[in-house]
Amino acid sequence: MTLFGLVGKNIGYSFSKNYFTEKFQNLGLKEYFYQNFDLETIDTLPEIIAKNPDLQGFNVTIPYKEKIIQYLDAIDDEAQKIGAVNVVKITNDRKLIGYNTDFYGFSKSLESLLTKNHKKALILGNGGASKAIFYALEQLKIPYTIVSRTKNATNITYAEIDKKIILEHQIIINSTPLGTFPNVDNCPDIPYNYLNYNHLCYDLIYNPSESLFLKLAKEKGALTKNGLEMLQLQAEKSWEIWQK
């Protein structure tokens, strides 16, 4: 048996398990399996590794993309720069090597939507998921402003978002979990009435397929995209890493 998995917390909704289970079936890999490891605390990771000798690699999701790093034996250059890991490969000698494929998935899914009007991005949230977004935008040479609940030297708060800020930022990215199923009535607290057809609103959420954030943006004429393609692209990149 060859086992892969997903490490996270409250991950019953997981995209990855269904995606890889179907992939293995399509490839005829009958002895390949994908399992969710729903951990109350990341401290139990070494125990999971020890108990599953067939585990060859795993994806990492909220809230462990940063906390996982302390348990790794090595981390690739891009993941090091990003400061977050969403893919781990387990080598033959049981070393844990960390990678980040989120930035790749996000970049590839965003690029085709960009126009000359999309000059600056507003990123809602600054958790582990957003770190890959920062890196991807830097690679695309798109300046950005970070929005967080608390003020510090590197971000603004939601209370500071006004008409001027909305109009100055033509790309708005929700990297928070607000609006994820089953809490579909939630959304980031921004003045949606200032959005217009020049805006591109991107939500890392894929369940529901149209979050309240995207619904409100679309009503104002904005181009919208959810996080499903990003997840598919990063999953394929994960598979490449595991097969190396």
C-alpha atoms as a PDB file:
ATOM      1  CA  MET A   1       0.000   0.000   0.000  1.00  0.00           C
ATOM      2  CA  THR A   2       1.107   3.552  -0.761  1.00  0.00           C
ATOM      3  CA  LEU A   3      -0.506   6.253   1.358  1.00  0.00           C
ATOM      4  CA  PHE A   4      -0.815  10.022   0.998  1.00  0.00           C
ATOM      5  CA  GLY A   5      -2.885  12.390   3.088  1.00  0.00           C
ATOM      6  CA  LEU A   6      -3.999  15.776   4.297  1.00  0.00           C
ATOM      7  CA  VAL A   7      -2.963  17.279   7.626  1.00  0.00           C
ATOM      8  CA  GLY A   8      -5.229  19.978   9.036  1.00  0.00           C
ATOM      9  CA  LYS A   9      -7.971  20.692  11.550  1.00  0.00           C
ATOM     10  CA  ASN A  10     -11.724  20.298  10.974  1.00  0.00           C
ATOM     11  CA  ILE A  11     -11.114  19.013   7.443  1.00  0.00           C
ATOM     12  CA  GLY A  12     -14.174  16.862   6.833  1.00  0.00           C
ATOM     13  CA  TYR A  13     -14.937  19.134   3.856  1.00  0.00           C
ATOM     14  CA  SER A  14     -11.556  18.328   2.252  1.00  0.00           C
ATOM     15  CA  PHE A  15     -11.118  18.844  -1.487  1.00  0.00           C
ATOM     16  CA  SER A  16      -7.890  16.840  -1.505  1.00  0.00           C
ATOM     17  CA  LYS A  17      -9.236  13.462  -0.410  1.00  0.00           C
ATOM     18  CA  ASN A  18     -11.874  13.317  -3.157  1.00  0.00           C
ATOM     19  CA  TYR A  19      -9.468  14.708  -5.759  1.00  0.00           C
ATOM     20  CA  PHE A  20      -6.667  12.224  -5.137  1.00  0.00           C
ATOM     21  CA  THR A  21      -8.961   9.234  -4.581  1.00  0.00           C
ATOM     22  CA  GLU A  22     -10.496   9.878  -8.001  1.00  0.00           C
ATOM     23  CA  LYS A  23      -7.061  10.494  -9.527  1.00  0.00           C
ATOM     24  CA  PHE A  24      -5.695   7.194  -8.217  1.00  0.00           C
ATOM     25  CA  GLN A  25      -8.742   5.344  -9.565  1.00  0.00           C
ATOM     26  CA  ASN A  26      -8.359   6.974 -13.000  1.00  0.00           C
ATOM     27  CA  LEU A  27      -4.663   6.047 -13.099  1.00  0.00           C
ATOM     28  CA  GLY A  28      -5.402   2.463 -12.079  1.00  0.00           C
ATOM     29  CA  LEU A  29      -3.324   2.799  -8.911  1.00  0.00           C
ATOM     30  CA  LYS A  30      -5.287   0.295  -6.839  1.00  0.00           C
ATOM     31  CA  GLU A  31      -2.821   0.244  -3.944  1.00  0.00           C
ATOM     32  CA  TYR A  32      -2.712   4.043  -3.590  1.00  0.00           C
ATOM     33  CA  PHE A  33      -4.835   5.685  -0.922  1.00  0.00           C
ATOM     34  CA  TYR A  34      -5.419   9.192   0.436  1.00  0.00           C
ATOM     35  CA  GLN A  35      -6.442   9.808   4.042  1.00  0.00           C
ATOM     36  CA  ASN A  36      -7.432  12.843   6.104  1.00  0.00           C
ATOM     37  CA  PHE A  37      -5.408  13.363   9.294  1.00  0.00           C
ATOM     38  CA  ASP A  38      -7.603  15.700  11.310  1.00  0.00           C
ATOM     39  CA  LEU A  39      -5.312  16.864  14.120  1.00  0.00           C
ATOM     40  CA  GLU A  40      -6.509  18.760  17.162  1.00  0.00           C
ATOM     41  CA  THR A  41      -2.914  19.905  17.605  1.00  0.00           C
ATOM     42  CA  ILE A  42       0.105  19.724  15.295  1.00  0.00           C
ATOM     43  CA  ASP A  43       2.087  18.200  18.181  1.00  0.00           C
ATOM     44  CA  THR A  44       0.634  14.801  17.271  1.00  0.00           C
ATOM     45  CA  LEU A  45       2.240  14.830  13.789  1.00  0.00           C
ATOM     46  CA  PRO A  46       5.328  12.724  14.735  1.00  0.00           C
ATOM     47  CA  GLU A  47       2.980  10.079  16.143  1.00  0.00           C
ATOM     48  CA  ILE A  48       0.989  10.040  12.876  1.00  0.00           C
ATOM     49  CA  ILE A  49       4.198   9.608  10.853  1.00  0.00           C
ATOM     50  CA  ALA A  50       5.384   6.776  13.123  1.00  0.00           C
ATOM     51  CA  LYS A  51       2.038   4.946  12.964  1.00  0.00           C
ATOM     52  CA  ASN A  52       1.811   5.125   9.164  1.00  0.00           C
ATOM     53  CA  PRO A  53       4.983   3.645   7.626  1.00  0.00           C
ATOM     54  CA  ASP A  54       3.278   3.581   4.191  1.00  0.00           C
ATOM     55  CA  LEU A  55       2.761   7.359   4.219  1.00  0.00           C
ATOM     56  CA  GLN A  56       4.831   8.847   1.368  1.00  0.00           C
ATOM     57  CA  GLY A  57       3.680  12.469   1.556  1.00  0.00           C
ATOM     58  CA  PHE A  58       0.874  14.771   2.574  1.00  0.00           C
ATOM     59  CA  ASN A  59      -0.751  18.114   1.946  1.00  0.00           C
ATOM     60  CA  VAL A  60      -1.086  20.675   4.740  1.00  0.00           C
ATOM     61  CA  THR A  61      -4.026  23.012   5.257  1.00  0.00           C
ATOM     62  CA  ILE A  62      -5.404  25.480   7.802  1.00  0.00           C
ATOM     63  CA  PRO A  63      -4.245  26.068  10.491  1.00  0.00           C
ATOM     64  CA  TYR A  64      -0.881  24.272  10.174  1.00  0.00           C
ATOM     65  CA  LYS A  65       0.852  25.725   7.082  1.00  0.00           C
ATOM     66  CA  GLU A  66       3.272  27.689   9.274  1.00  0.00           C
ATOM     67  CA  LYS A  67       3.347  25.482  12.377  1.00  0.00           C
ATOM     68  CA  ILE A  68       4.351  22.429  10.315  1.00  0.00           C
ATOM     69  CA  ILE A  69       7.769  23.941   9.541  1.00  0.00           C
ATOM     70  CA  GLN A  70       9.267  23.130  12.954  1.00  0.00           C
ATOM     71  CA  TYR A  71       8.681  19.398  12.290  1.00  0.00           C
ATOM     72  CA  LEU A  72      10.436  19.318   8.897  1.00  0.00           C
ATOM     73  CA  ASP A  73      13.955  18.111   8.175  1.00  0.00           C
ATOM     74  CA  ALA A  74      14.324  20.429   5.182  1.00  0.00           C
ATOM     75  CA  ILE A  75      12.352  23.028   3.242  1.00  0.00           C
ATOM     76  CA  ASP A  76      12.738  24.066  -0.375  1.00  0.00           C
ATOM     77  CA  ASP A  77      13.810  27.604  -1.309  1.00  0.00           C
ATOM     78  CA  GLU A  78      10.405  28.905  -2.379  1.00  0.00           C
ATOM     79  CA  ALA A  79       8.627  27.575   0.697  1.00  0.00           C
ATOM     80  CA  GLN A  80      11.399  29.146   2.800  1.00  0.00           C
ATOM     81  CA  LYS A  81      10.827  32.542   1.171  1.00  0.00           C
ATOM     82  CA  ILE A  82       7.053  32.235   1.548  1.00  0.00           C
ATOM     83  CA  GLY A  83       7.216  31.079   5.160  1.00  0.00           C
ATOM     84  CA  ALA A  84       4.465  28.499   4.739  1.00  0.00           C
ATOM     85  CA  VAL A  85       4.309  24.856   3.612  1.00  0.00           C
ATOM     86  CA  ASN A  86       1.350  23.056   2.044  1.00  0.00           C
ATOM     87  CA  VAL A  87       3.101  19.936   0.695  1.00  0.00           C
ATOM     88  CA  VAL A  88       5.425  17.508   2.480  1.00  0.00           C
ATOM     89  CA  LYS A  89       7.333  14.681   0.816  1.00  0.00           C
ATOM     90  CA  ILE A  90       8.544  11.799   2.990  1.00  0.00           C
ATOM     91  CA  THR A  91      11.813  10.385   1.674  1.00  0.00           C
ATOM     92  CA  ASN A  92      12.895   6.738   1.744  1.00  0.00           C
ATOM     93  CA  ASP A  93      14.809   7.397   4.966  1.00  0.00           C
ATOM     94  CA  ARG A  94      11.669   9.033   6.468  1.00  0.00           C
ATOM     95  CA  LYS A  95      12.886  12.631   6.248  1.00  0.00           C
ATOM     96  CA  LEU A  96      10.183  15.297   5.888  1.00  0.00           C
ATOM     97  CA  ILE A  97      10.781  17.836   3.094  1.00  0.00           C
ATOM     98  CA  GLY A  98       8.472  20.866   2.848  1.00  0.00           C
ATOM     99  CA  TYR A  99       7.271  22.654  -0.291  1.00  0.00           C
ATOM    100  CA  ASN A 100       4.721  25.302  -1.229  1.00  0.00           C
ATOM    101  CA  THR A 101       2.548  24.762  -4.313  1.00  0.00           C
ATOM    102  CA  ASP A 102      -0.164  27.260  -3.320  1.00  0.00           C
ATOM    103  CA  PHE A 103       1.660  30.170  -4.925  1.00  0.00           C
ATOM    104  CA  TYR A 104       1.934  28.229  -8.209  1.00  0.00           C
ATOM    105  CA  GLY A 105      -1.771  27.346  -8.214  1.00  0.00           C
ATOM    106  CA  PHE A 106      -2.779  30.906  -7.417  1.00  0.00           C
ATOM    107  CA  SER A 107      -0.474  32.499 -10.024  1.00  0.00           C
ATOM    108  CA  LYS A 108      -1.570  30.206 -12.834  1.00  0.00           C
ATOM    109  CA  SER A 109      -5.271  30.628 -12.062  1.00  0.00           C
ATOM    110  CA  LEU A 110      -4.978  34.428 -11.806  1.00  0.00           C
ATOM    111  CA  GLU A 111      -2.744  35.227 -14.785  1.00  0.00           C
ATOM    112  CA  SER A 112      -5.311  34.604 -17.521  1.00  0.00           C
ATOM    113  CA  LEU A 113      -7.766  37.027 -15.882  1.00  0.00           C
ATOM    114  CA  LEU A 114      -5.401  39.975 -15.552  1.00  0.00           C
ATOM    115  CA  THR A 115      -5.825  43.051 -17.739  1.00  0.00           C
ATOM    116  CA  LYS A 116      -3.990  46.359 -17.899  1.00  0.00           C
ATOM    117  CA  ASN A 117      -6.617  47.753 -15.480  1.00  0.00           C
ATOM    118  CA  HIS A 118      -5.508  45.400 -12.709  1.00  0.00           C
ATOM    119  CA  LYS A 119      -2.607  47.332 -11.211  1.00  0.00           C
ATOM    120  CA  LYS A 120      -2.789  46.819  -7.448  1.00  0.00           C
ATOM    121  CA  ALA A 121      -4.169  44.164  -5.088  1.00  0.00           C
ATOM    122  CA  LEU A 122      -5.929  44.289  -1.728  1.00  0.00           C
ATOM    123  CA  ILE A 123      -5.402  41.084   0.253  1.00  0.00           C
ATOM    124  CA  LEU A 124      -7.988  40.340   2.928  1.00  0.00           C
ATOM    125  CA  GLY A 125      -6.283  38.374   5.691  1.00  0.00           C
ATOM    126  CA  ASN A 126      -2.662  37.687   6.600  1.00  0.00           C
ATOM    127  CA  GLY A 127      -2.649  34.070   7.797  1.00  0.00           C
ATOM    128  CA  GLY A 128      -0.735  31.083   6.429  1.00  0.00           C
ATOM    129  CA  ALA A 129      -2.829  30.940   3.246  1.00  0.00           C
ATOM    130  CA  SER A 130      -2.080  34.568   2.392  1.00  0.00           C
ATOM    131  CA  LYS A 131       1.703  34.146   2.486  1.00  0.00           C
ATOM    132  CA  ALA A 132       1.694  32.272  -0.822  1.00  0.00           C
ATOM    133  CA  ILE A 133      -0.478  35.058  -2.274  1.00  0.00           C
ATOM    134  CA  PHE A 134       2.069  37.710  -1.232  1.00  0.00           C
ATOM    135  CA  TYR A 135       4.841  35.743  -2.939  1.00  0.00           C
ATOM    136  CA  ALA A 136       2.820  35.104  -6.110  1.00  0.00           C
ATOM    137  CA  LEU A 137       1.922  38.790  -6.489  1.00  0.00           C
ATOM    138  CA  GLU A 138       5.566  39.763  -5.989  1.00  0.00           C
ATOM    139  CA  GLN A 139       6.535  37.356  -8.791  1.00  0.00           C
ATOM    140  CA  LEU A 140       3.821  38.893 -10.984  1.00  0.00           C
ATOM    141  CA  LYS A 141       5.120  42.374 -10.028  1.00  0.00           C
ATOM    142  CA  ILE A 142       1.713  43.439  -8.677  1.00  0.00           C
ATOM    143  CA  PRO A 143       1.953  45.717  -5.617  1.00  0.00           C
ATOM    144  CA  TYR A 144      -0.431  44.900  -2.784  1.00  0.00           C
ATOM    145  CA  THR A 145      -1.899  46.116   0.490  1.00  0.00           C
ATOM    146  CA  ILE A 146      -2.668  43.694   3.335  1.00  0.00           C
ATOM    147  CA  VAL A 147      -5.840  44.015   5.414  1.00  0.00           C
ATOM    148  CA  SER A 148      -6.020  42.509   8.894  1.00  0.00           C
ATOM    149  CA  ARG A 149      -8.195  42.819  11.972  1.00  0.00           C
ATOM    150  CA  THR A 150      -5.387  44.435  13.937  1.00  0.00           C
ATOM    151  CA  LYS A 151      -3.198  47.315  12.847  1.00  0.00           C
ATOM    152  CA  ASN A 152       0.563  47.000  12.484  1.00  0.00           C
ATOM    153  CA  ALA A 153       3.361  48.443  10.371  1.00  0.00           C
ATOM    154  CA  THR A 154       2.654  46.214   7.374  1.00  0.00           C
ATOM    155  CA  ASN A 155      -1.123  46.323   7.026  1.00  0.00           C
ATOM    156  CA  ILE A 156      -4.309  48.367   7.291  1.00  0.00           C
ATOM    157  CA  THR A 157      -7.491  47.353   9.126  1.00  0.00           C
ATOM    158  CA  TYR A 158     -10.955  46.681   7.725  1.00  0.00           C
ATOM    159  CA  ALA A 159     -12.179  49.905   9.322  1.00  0.00           C
ATOM    160  CA  GLU A 160      -9.771  51.864   7.121  1.00  0.00           C
ATOM    161  CA  ILE A 161     -11.152  50.546   3.831  1.00  0.00           C
ATOM    162  CA  ASP A 162     -13.033  53.375   2.135  1.00  0.00           C
ATOM    163  CA  LYS A 163     -14.027  54.316  -1.407  1.00  0.00           C
ATOM    164  CA  LYS A 164     -10.532  55.587  -2.218  1.00  0.00           C
ATOM    165  CA  ILE A 165      -8.856  52.336  -1.171  1.00  0.00           C
ATOM    166  CA  ILE A 166     -11.376  50.175  -3.048  1.00  0.00           C
ATOM    167  CA  LEU A 167     -10.897  52.188  -6.237  1.00  0.00           C
ATOM    168  CA  GLU A 168      -7.094  52.159  -5.886  1.00  0.00           C
ATOM    169  CA  HIS A 169      -7.042  48.358  -5.637  1.00  0.00           C
ATOM    170  CA  GLN A 170      -8.518  46.697  -8.700  1.00  0.00           C
ATOM    171  CA  ILE A 171      -7.764  43.154  -7.497  1.00  0.00           C
ATOM    172  CA  ILE A 172      -9.352  42.094  -4.202  1.00  0.00           C
ATOM    173  CA  ILE A 173      -8.413  38.694  -2.781  1.00  0.00           C
ATOM    174  CA  ASN A 174     -10.125  36.967   0.126  1.00  0.00           C
ATOM    175  CA  SER A 175      -7.540  34.743   1.809  1.00  0.00           C
ATOM    176  CA  THR A 176      -9.630  34.351   4.991  1.00  0.00           C
ATOM    177  CA  PRO A 177     -11.921  31.360   5.651  1.00  0.00           C
ATOM    178  CA  LEU A 178     -14.928  33.710   5.988  1.00  0.00           C
ATOM    179  CA  GLY A 179     -17.843  32.328   3.988  1.00  0.00           C
ATOM    180  CA  THR A 180     -16.664  28.714   3.863  1.00  0.00           C
ATOM    181  CA  PHE A 181     -19.406  26.080   4.111  1.00  0.00           C
ATOM    182  CA  PRO A 182     -21.360  25.755   6.377  1.00  0.00           C
ATOM    183  CA  ASN A 183     -20.934  29.436   7.356  1.00  0.00           C
ATOM    184  CA  VAL A 184     -22.067  30.649   3.953  1.00  0.00           C
ATOM    185  CA  ASP A 185     -23.710  33.829   5.270  1.00  0.00           C
ATOM    186  CA  ASN A 186     -20.355  35.276   6.331  1.00  0.00           C
ATOM    187  CA  CYS A 187     -18.082  37.480   4.243  1.00  0.00           C
ATOM    188  CA  PRO A 188     -15.242  39.971   4.759  1.00  0.00           C
ATOM    189  CA  ASP A 189     -16.436  43.330   6.044  1.00  0.00           C
ATOM    190  CA  ILE A 190     -15.616  45.683   3.171  1.00  0.00           C
ATOM    191  CA  PRO A 191     -17.688  48.397   1.403  1.00  0.00           C
ATOM    192  CA  TYR A 192     -18.898  46.309  -1.547  1.00  0.00           C
ATOM    193  CA  ASN A 193     -20.936  49.225  -2.929  1.00  0.00           C
ATOM    194  CA  TYR A 194     -17.705  50.808  -4.255  1.00  0.00           C
ATOM    195  CA  LEU A 195     -16.816  47.812  -6.412  1.00  0.00           C
ATOM    196  CA  ASN A 196     -17.316  48.070 -10.174  1.00  0.00           C
ATOM    197  CA  TYR A 197     -16.589  46.358 -13.516  1.00  0.00           C
ATOM    198  CA  ASN A 198     -12.874  47.287 -13.251  1.00  0.00           C
ATOM    199  CA  HIS A 199     -12.460  44.991 -10.246  1.00  0.00           C
ATOM    200  CA  LEU A 200     -11.315  41.388 -10.173  1.00  0.00           C
ATOM    201  CA  CYS A 201     -12.414  39.646  -6.957  1.00  0.00           C
ATOM    202  CA  TYR A 202     -10.779  36.331  -6.141  1.00  0.00           C
ATOM    203  CA  ASP A 203     -11.788  34.065  -3.257  1.00  0.00           C
ATOM    204  CA  LEU A 204      -9.546  31.225  -2.093  1.00  0.00           C
ATOM    205  CA  ILE A 205     -12.748  29.513  -0.918  1.00  0.00           C
ATOM    206  CA  TYR A 206     -14.214  26.897  -3.285  1.00  0.00           C
ATOM    207  CA  ASN A 207     -17.068  25.589  -1.118  1.00  0.00           C
ATOM    208  CA  PRO A 208     -19.561  27.103  -1.812  1.00  0.00           C
ATOM    209  CA  SER A 209     -18.603  27.664  -5.448  1.00  0.00           C
ATOM    210  CA  GLU A 210     -19.902  31.221  -5.145  1.00  0.00           C
ATOM    211  CA  SER A 211     -19.219  32.661  -1.707  1.00  0.00           C
ATOM    212  CA  LEU A 212     -21.138  35.660  -0.416  1.00  0.00           C
ATOM    213  CA  PHE A 213     -17.991  37.731  -1.078  1.00  0.00           C
ATOM    214  CA  LEU A 214     -18.081  36.753  -4.757  1.00  0.00           C
ATOM    215  CA  LYS A 215     -21.857  37.122  -5.018  1.00  0.00           C
ATOM    216  CA  LEU A 216     -21.775  40.692  -3.689  1.00  0.00           C
ATOM    217  CA  ALA A 217     -18.829  41.544  -5.961  1.00  0.00           C
ATOM    218  CA  LYS A 218     -20.546  40.113  -9.036  1.00  0.00           C
ATOM    219  CA  GLU A 219     -23.664  42.189  -8.304  1.00  0.00           C
ATOM    220  CA  LYS A 220     -21.467  45.282  -8.709  1.00  0.00           C
ATOM    221  CA  GLY A 221     -20.109  44.112 -12.059  1.00  0.00           C
ATOM    222  CA  ALA A 222     -16.764  42.756 -10.850  1.00  0.00           C
ATOM    223  CA  LEU A 223     -15.100  39.762 -12.502  1.00  0.00           C
ATOM    224  CA  THR A 224     -15.045  36.917  -9.961  1.00  0.00           C
ATOM    225  CA  LYS A 225     -13.193  33.639  -9.455  1.00  0.00           C
ATOM    226  CA  ASN A 226     -13.207  31.036  -6.709  1.00  0.00           C
ATOM    227  CA  GLY A 227     -10.322  28.917  -5.451  1.00  0.00           C
ATOM    228  CA  LEU A 228     -11.153  25.608  -7.141  1.00  0.00           C
ATOM    229  CA  GLU A 229      -8.719  25.895 -10.055  1.00  0.00           C
ATOM    230  CA  MET A 230      -5.986  27.031  -7.666  1.00  0.00           C
ATOM    231  CA  LEU A 231      -6.570  23.879  -5.595  1.00  0.00           C
ATOM    232  CA  GLN A 232      -6.517  21.646  -8.665  1.00  0.00           C
ATOM    233  CA  LEU A 233      -3.277  23.194  -9.926  1.00  0.00           C
ATOM    234  CA  GLN A 234      -1.527  22.986  -6.554  1.00  0.00           C
ATOM    235  CA  ALA A 235      -2.706  19.381  -6.170  1.00  0.00           C
ATOM    236  CA  GLU A 236      -1.165  18.410  -9.509  1.00  0.00           C
ATOM    237  CA  LYS A 237       2.079  20.102  -8.482  1.00  0.00           C
ATOM    238  CA  SER A 238       1.949  18.129  -5.191  1.00  0.00           C
ATOM    239  CA  TRP A 239       1.653  14.912  -7.181  1.00  0.00           C
ATOM    240  CA  GLU A 240       4.723  15.858  -9.249  1.00  0.00           C
ATOM    241  CA  ILE A 241       6.716  16.440  -6.042  1.00  0.00           C
ATOM    242  CA  TRP A 242       5.677  13.105  -4.515  1.00  0.00           C
ATOM    243  CA  GLN A 243       6.678  11.237  -7.667  1.00  0.00           C
ATOM    244  CA  LYS A 244      10.212  12.691  -7.839  1.00  0.00           C
END
